[in-house]
Structure formats: C-alpha cells, structure tokens
Amino acid sequence: MADQPVELVEYDPRWVDSFAEQQAKLAGTLAPWLAGPIEHIGSTAVPGLRAKPVVDILCPVRSLMDARQALSLLEEQGWLHWAQDPERHFRMWFLRPRPEARTHHLHLIEDPARVHSLLTFRDALRSDTHLRKDYEALKTQLAQRYRADRDAYTDAKTDFIEQVLRLKREGGRP
C-alpha cells in the first residue's frame, strides 16, 4: 500500500478549525462510548511547531471492545481503520482520507494513563518554547532520515517523549 512520505510544514492555524470540524462530527458519532472530551493532540495541536500536516484526534473511550460498534459509523464518515495496528491492544486507529494523502488520524484509546501521557506531552510543548524548539529540531532531523518510513520516524521520537514525560512525573522541567 502506498503511504504518504514524512514531510514537515510550518504551523498552520487552520489545523485548529480542521480539528474542530471533526470533533463536532465525532462527538455525536462516538457519544455512547466516550470516556472524556475529544482532544486535539500531536504537533498540529502546538502553535508554532512545524509538523506533518495531519491533525491527530484523541477520543478516550470507556471500552475498546464496546467502541467496535462504532466501526461502521466511522467508516461511513470516511475513516479508514487500521486493523493490523501493532498497538491495537490499547487503541483503535484510523486515518482519512487515504494513506497516501492523509489529513487526519483518529485514536480511540481506553487506557487513561496513555490518554494522560498524550495530553501531558502536548501541554509541555505548548508551554515551553525551548522544549518545543528541541522537539522541532529532532523532528526535522528524523523527517530527513526517515522520509519514506513513517513508522521509523515515529519510533525514533520515543526516547525524547519518554524523557519529557518522566521529568514531568518527577516534577522537573524538561
């Protein structure tokens, strides 16, 4: 299957509107399964941060098993489910409109600790200019190295993210 190359672009304030549009639709569709508010996560949720132009949406759910009932509803709205996701033990993951031209990712996650980590990292980037610049520099380097391998690009950011989360848990400043 063709996939979209890793390419970073300058921050685009329209990403906020793109998130809000999908948030409104998803709130109605997923209401029976939601365990909390639908959140804009990832780099497009951080003003000023260069990012892949793909809006990441977090939907915390009470039960992944129960949320499977929403699969056909989401597919009717143009979401493609990645059933072979290696992380399927804790999330259901979708993209739209197609792998080679993505505009959105959707993460249905049952685990409150993972939800908390995603929001903590986003908020750390939003509040710390130096951290945001360090992360952007890392992403730029990795985007050049892994342009044709989205999974390797994502995996290579893990140590940075885990270090930030560890420092936040310990009450330190990243």
Protein backbone atom coordinates (compact mmCIF):
# COMPACT_ATOMS: atom_id res chain seq x y z
CA MET A 1 0.00 0.00 0.00
CA ALA A 2 1.28 3.46 -0.86
CA ASP A 3 1.99 5.75 2.06
CA GLN A 4 2.50 9.45 2.46
CA PRO A 5 6.14 10.48 2.91
CA VAL A 6 7.22 12.21 6.12
CA GLU A 7 7.29 15.92 5.37
CA LEU A 8 7.13 18.75 7.89
CA VAL A 9 5.48 22.08 7.13
CA GLU A 10 5.19 25.34 9.02
CA TYR A 11 2.45 25.56 11.64
CA ASP A 12 -0.94 26.31 10.08
CA PRO A 13 -3.61 27.89 12.31
CA ARG A 14 -6.27 26.26 10.09
CA TRP A 15 -5.43 22.96 11.79
CA VAL A 16 -7.45 24.17 14.79
CA ASP A 17 -10.53 24.59 12.59
CA SER A 18 -9.94 21.24 10.91
CA PHE A 19 -9.85 19.61 14.34
CA ALA A 20 -12.99 21.44 15.49
CA GLU A 21 -14.91 20.32 12.41
CA GLN A 22 -14.06 16.67 13.01
CA GLN A 23 -14.53 17.00 16.78
CA ALA A 24 -18.14 18.10 16.30
CA LYS A 25 -18.90 15.17 14.00
CA LEU A 26 -17.13 12.63 16.19
CA ALA A 27 -18.79 13.86 19.38
CA GLY A 28 -22.17 12.85 18.02
CA THR A 29 -21.00 9.60 16.49
CA LEU A 30 -18.97 8.39 19.46
CA ALA A 31 -21.07 9.79 22.33
CA PRO A 32 -22.17 6.35 23.63
CA TRP A 33 -18.55 5.23 24.06
CA LEU A 34 -16.65 8.37 25.10
CA ALA A 35 -14.95 8.48 28.49
CA GLY A 36 -13.86 12.12 28.24
CA PRO A 37 -13.55 15.08 25.90
CA ILE A 38 -12.26 14.71 22.36
CA GLU A 39 -8.83 16.37 22.21
CA HIS A 40 -6.51 17.76 19.54
CA ILE A 41 -3.12 16.10 20.09
CA GLY A 42 0.15 15.78 18.23
CA SER A 43 2.25 18.51 16.70
CA THR A 44 -0.61 20.21 14.86
CA ALA A 45 -2.06 20.97 18.31
CA VAL A 46 1.02 23.01 19.28
CA PRO A 47 1.03 26.59 17.93
CA GLY A 48 4.30 27.47 16.23
CA LEU A 49 5.55 23.89 15.86
CA ARG A 50 6.41 22.55 12.41
CA ALA A 51 4.51 19.34 11.79
CA LYS A 52 3.32 16.78 9.32
CA PRO A 53 0.08 18.35 8.06
CA VAL A 54 -2.04 15.63 9.70
CA VAL A 55 -4.43 16.52 12.51
CA ASP A 56 -4.35 13.95 15.33
CA ILE A 57 -7.56 13.46 17.29
CA LEU A 58 -7.78 11.67 20.63
CA CYS A 59 -11.07 10.06 21.68
CA PRO A 60 -10.86 8.46 25.12
CA VAL A 61 -13.32 5.57 25.29
CA ARG A 62 -14.62 3.53 28.21
CA SER A 63 -14.12 0.23 26.38
CA LEU A 64 -12.37 -0.58 23.12
CA MET A 65 -14.44 -3.73 22.84
CA ASP A 66 -17.68 -1.76 23.07
CA ALA A 67 -16.36 1.02 20.79
CA ARG A 68 -16.00 -1.55 18.00
CA GLN A 69 -19.71 -0.96 17.49
CA ALA A 70 -18.74 2.42 16.03
CA LEU A 71 -16.53 0.97 13.25
CA SER A 72 -19.18 1.05 10.54
CA LEU A 73 -20.33 4.54 11.61
CA LEU A 74 -16.77 5.86 11.36
CA GLU A 75 -16.16 4.14 8.03
CA GLU A 76 -19.35 5.78 6.68
CA GLN A 77 -17.76 9.13 7.62
CA GLY A 78 -14.62 8.33 5.62
CA TRP A 79 -12.38 6.98 8.39
CA LEU A 80 -10.15 4.03 7.40
CA HIS A 81 -9.50 1.62 10.26
CA TRP A 82 -6.04 0.07 10.54
CA ALA A 83 -7.00 -3.35 11.90
CA GLN A 84 -3.35 -4.55 11.88
CA ASP A 85 -2.15 -1.70 14.12
CA PRO A 86 0.62 -3.14 16.32
CA GLU A 87 -0.80 -1.02 19.16
CA ARG A 88 -4.32 -2.44 18.80
CA HIS A 89 -4.17 -3.84 22.34
CA PHE A 90 -4.76 -0.31 23.67
CA ARG A 91 -6.23 1.67 20.76
CA MET A 92 -8.24 1.64 17.58
CA TRP A 93 -6.52 3.79 14.99
CA PHE A 94 -7.97 5.41 11.88
CA LEU A 95 -6.89 7.79 9.14
CA ARG A 96 -8.61 9.82 6.49
CA PRO A 97 -8.98 10.18 3.59
CA ARG A 98 -6.36 7.63 2.40
CA PRO A 99 -2.83 6.51 3.40
CA GLU A 100 -1.01 8.36 0.63
CA ALA A 101 -2.83 11.67 1.28
CA ARG A 102 -3.62 11.87 4.99
CA THR A 103 -5.29 14.83 6.63
CA HIS A 104 -6.37 13.28 9.95
CA HIS A 105 -5.54 10.49 12.37
CA LEU A 106 -8.07 9.26 14.92
CA HIS A 107 -7.02 7.47 18.12
CA LEU A 108 -9.67 5.70 20.21
CA ILE A 109 -7.90 4.86 23.47
CA GLU A 110 -9.26 3.07 26.52
CA ASP A 111 -6.24 3.43 28.84
CA PRO A 112 -6.48 6.61 30.99
CA ALA A 113 -2.70 6.60 31.62
CA ARG A 114 -1.97 6.73 27.87
CA VAL A 115 -4.54 9.47 27.41
CA HIS A 116 -2.89 11.42 30.22
CA SER A 117 0.59 10.96 28.67
CA LEU A 118 -0.56 12.25 25.27
CA LEU A 119 -2.12 15.34 26.84
CA THR A 120 0.83 15.93 29.18
CA PHE A 121 3.31 15.87 26.30
CA ARG A 122 1.15 18.19 24.17
CA ASP A 123 0.77 20.63 27.06
CA ALA A 124 4.52 20.54 27.82
CA LEU A 125 5.26 21.54 24.22
CA ARG A 126 2.63 24.28 24.32
CA SER A 127 4.06 25.81 27.49
CA ASP A 128 7.82 25.55 26.94
CA THR A 129 9.41 27.35 24.00
CA HIS A 130 12.81 25.69 24.47
CA LEU A 131 11.31 22.23 24.63
CA ARG A 132 9.25 22.97 21.52
CA LYS A 133 12.38 24.08 19.63
CA ASP A 134 14.32 20.99 20.73
CA TYR A 135 11.48 18.74 19.61
CA GLU A 136 11.18 20.55 16.30
CA ALA A 137 14.92 20.15 15.66
CA LEU A 138 14.67 16.42 16.39
CA LYS A 139 11.63 16.04 14.15
CA THR A 140 13.36 17.90 11.31
CA GLN A 141 16.39 15.63 11.51
CA LEU A 142 14.26 12.49 11.69
CA ALA A 143 11.99 13.60 8.82
CA GLN A 144 15.05 13.85 6.59
CA ARG A 145 16.40 10.48 7.72
CA TYR A 146 13.09 8.58 7.60
CA ARG A 147 11.21 10.36 4.82
CA ALA A 148 9.92 7.09 3.37
CA ASP A 149 9.35 5.28 6.68
CA ARG A 150 6.63 6.81 8.88
CA ASP A 151 6.92 4.05 11.50
CA ALA A 152 10.67 4.56 11.93
CA TYR A 153 10.13 8.34 12.16
CA THR A 154 7.55 7.86 14.91
CA ASP A 155 9.61 5.27 16.78
CA ALA A 156 12.71 7.48 16.71
CA LYS A 157 10.87 10.19 18.68
CA THR A 158 10.03 7.82 21.53
CA ASP A 159 13.08 8.44 23.74
CA PHE A 160 12.56 12.21 23.64
CA ILE A 161 8.87 11.88 24.50
CA GLU A 162 9.52 9.41 27.33
CA GLN A 163 12.20 11.66 28.80
CA VAL A 164 9.80 14.62 28.84
CA LEU A 165 7.07 12.53 30.46
CA ARG A 166 9.47 11.16 33.08
CA LEU A 167 10.64 14.64 34.01
CA LYS A 168 7.06 15.90 34.21
CA ARG A 169 6.14 13.00 36.53
CA GLU A 170 9.10 13.85 38.73
CA GLY A 171 8.03 17.48 38.86
CA GLY A 172 11.06 18.68 36.94
CA ARG A 173 11.27 20.95 33.98
CA PRO A 174 12.16 19.15 30.72
